[in-house]
Amino acid sequence: MDPFRGQGGIQMLLTAEQEAQHIVTNARNLRTQRLKQAKEEAEKEAAQYRIHMEDEYQKSLSETTGSSGSNVKRLDQETDAKIRNLKKSGSKVSTEVVDMLLKYVTNIKT
């Protein structure tokens, strides 16, 4: 065998190994870049979903609060009307009640 031929084979193997290392390094770099890109996309989608859900929550909260506000207003109006009716009926019978109490207090039974 020719000694130069053996060294040429070794040189070819070294060159092939270096090319393989470059290919592997490039593949790792591409994978790392893709993972970063996928992470950024996932974070962006999560942020959009979070915003969407927050908007839905605020919308439902405002609808609920709005109806509660109208219920409170309606109940206040009903309560005021009942108070007015009670005062009105109380004022009608108050003189009768006072007269009746005076009658029983001043009337002496033996």
Protein backbone atom coordinates (compact mmCIF):
# COMPACT_ATOMS: atom_id res chain seq x y z
CA MET A 1 0.00 0.00 0.00
CA ASP A 2 1.05 3.47 -0.70
CA PRO A 3 1.67 5.47 2.51
CA PHE A 4 0.27 8.63 0.93
CA ARG A 5 -2.90 6.83 -0.01
CA GLY A 6 -3.51 5.91 3.64
CA GLN A 7 -2.97 9.48 4.72
CA GLY A 8 -5.33 10.67 1.98
CA GLY A 9 -7.99 8.32 3.32
CA ILE A 10 -7.47 9.71 6.82
CA GLN A 11 -7.68 13.24 5.46
CA MET A 12 -10.94 12.36 3.69
CA LEU A 13 -12.32 10.91 6.92
CA LEU A 14 -11.35 14.04 8.85
CA THR A 15 -12.96 16.24 6.22
CA ALA A 16 -16.10 14.10 6.27
CA GLU A 17 -16.17 14.28 10.09
CA GLN A 18 -15.86 18.08 9.99
CA GLU A 19 -18.68 18.32 7.46
CA ALA A 20 -20.81 16.05 9.64
CA GLN A 21 -20.10 18.25 12.66
CA HIS A 22 -21.13 21.33 10.66
CA ILE A 23 -24.34 19.62 9.59
CA VAL A 24 -25.12 18.56 13.18
CA THR A 25 -24.29 22.04 14.50
CA ASN A 26 -26.51 23.66 11.88
CA ALA A 27 -29.32 21.23 12.69
CA ARG A 28 -29.01 22.02 16.40
CA ASN A 29 -29.02 25.75 15.70
CA LEU A 30 -32.11 25.40 13.49
CA ARG A 31 -33.83 23.30 16.15
CA THR A 32 -33.00 25.90 18.83
CA GLN A 33 -34.30 28.69 16.61
CA ARG A 34 -37.48 26.73 15.89
CA LEU A 35 -38.01 26.05 19.59
CA LYS A 36 -37.60 29.76 20.37
CA GLN A 37 -40.00 30.64 17.58
CA ALA A 38 -42.54 28.08 18.80
CA LYS A 39 -42.24 29.41 22.35
CA GLU A 40 -42.80 32.99 21.16
CA GLU A 41 -45.82 31.91 19.10
CA ALA A 42 -47.26 30.01 22.07
CA GLU A 43 -46.76 33.00 24.38
CA LYS A 44 -48.40 35.28 21.83
CA GLU A 45 -51.40 32.93 21.47
CA ALA A 46 -51.67 32.60 25.25
CA ALA A 47 -51.62 36.39 25.63
CA GLN A 48 -54.33 36.78 22.97
CA TYR A 49 -56.43 34.07 24.62
CA ARG A 50 -55.95 35.72 28.03
CA ILE A 51 -57.06 39.08 26.61
CA HIS A 52 -60.06 37.46 24.95
CA MET A 53 -61.11 35.69 28.16
CA GLU A 54 -60.61 38.88 30.20
CA ASP A 55 -62.82 40.78 27.74
CA GLU A 56 -65.49 38.07 28.01
CA TYR A 57 -65.28 38.19 31.80
CA GLN A 58 -65.55 41.98 31.88
CA LYS A 59 -68.48 41.83 29.47
CA SER A 60 -70.35 39.27 31.57
CA LEU A 61 -69.48 41.19 34.72
CA SER A 62 -70.85 44.43 33.30
CA GLU A 63 -74.03 42.65 32.16
CA THR A 64 -74.50 41.11 35.59
CA THR A 65 -73.73 44.36 37.37
CA GLY A 66 -76.07 46.25 35.08
CA SER A 67 -78.98 43.95 35.83
CA SER A 68 -78.15 44.00 39.53
CA GLY A 69 -78.14 47.78 39.41
CA SER A 70 -81.58 47.83 37.82
CA ASN A 71 -82.82 45.30 40.39
CA VAL A 72 -81.50 47.44 43.21
CA LYS A 73 -83.13 50.51 41.73
CA ARG A 74 -86.44 48.66 41.32
CA LEU A 75 -86.27 47.36 44.90
CA ASP A 76 -85.52 50.85 46.21
CA GLN A 77 -88.55 52.21 44.39
CA GLU A 78 -90.78 49.42 45.73
CA THR A 79 -89.48 49.98 49.27
CA ASP A 80 -90.09 53.73 49.06
CA ALA A 81 -93.64 53.11 47.81
CA LYS A 82 -94.33 50.70 50.69
CA ILE A 83 -92.95 53.19 53.23
CA ARG A 84 -95.17 55.93 51.80
CA ASN A 85 -98.22 53.62 51.99
CA LEU A 86 -97.43 52.70 55.61
CA LYS A 87 -96.99 56.35 56.61
CA LYS A 88 -100.23 57.24 54.84
CA SER A 89 -102.20 54.46 56.57
CA GLY A 90 -100.49 55.26 59.88
CA SER A 91 -101.49 58.89 59.65
CA LYS A 92 -105.10 57.90 58.91
CA VAL A 93 -105.46 55.71 61.99
CA SER A 94 -103.14 57.58 64.32
CA THR A 95 -105.90 59.82 65.67
CA GLU A 96 -108.15 56.81 66.24
CA VAL A 97 -105.36 54.97 68.05
CA VAL A 98 -104.61 57.99 70.26
CA ASP A 99 -108.29 58.39 71.10
CA MET A 100 -108.61 54.69 71.90
CA LEU A 101 -105.51 54.74 74.14
CA LEU A 102 -106.73 57.82 75.98
CA LYS A 103 -110.11 56.17 76.46
CA TYR A 104 -108.55 53.06 78.01
CA VAL A 105 -106.08 54.99 80.12
CA THR A 106 -108.65 57.39 81.52
CA ASN A 107 -111.43 54.86 81.93
CA ILE A 108 -111.34 53.40 85.43
CA LYS A 109 -112.76 49.95 85.93
CA THR A 110 -113.69 48.78 89.34
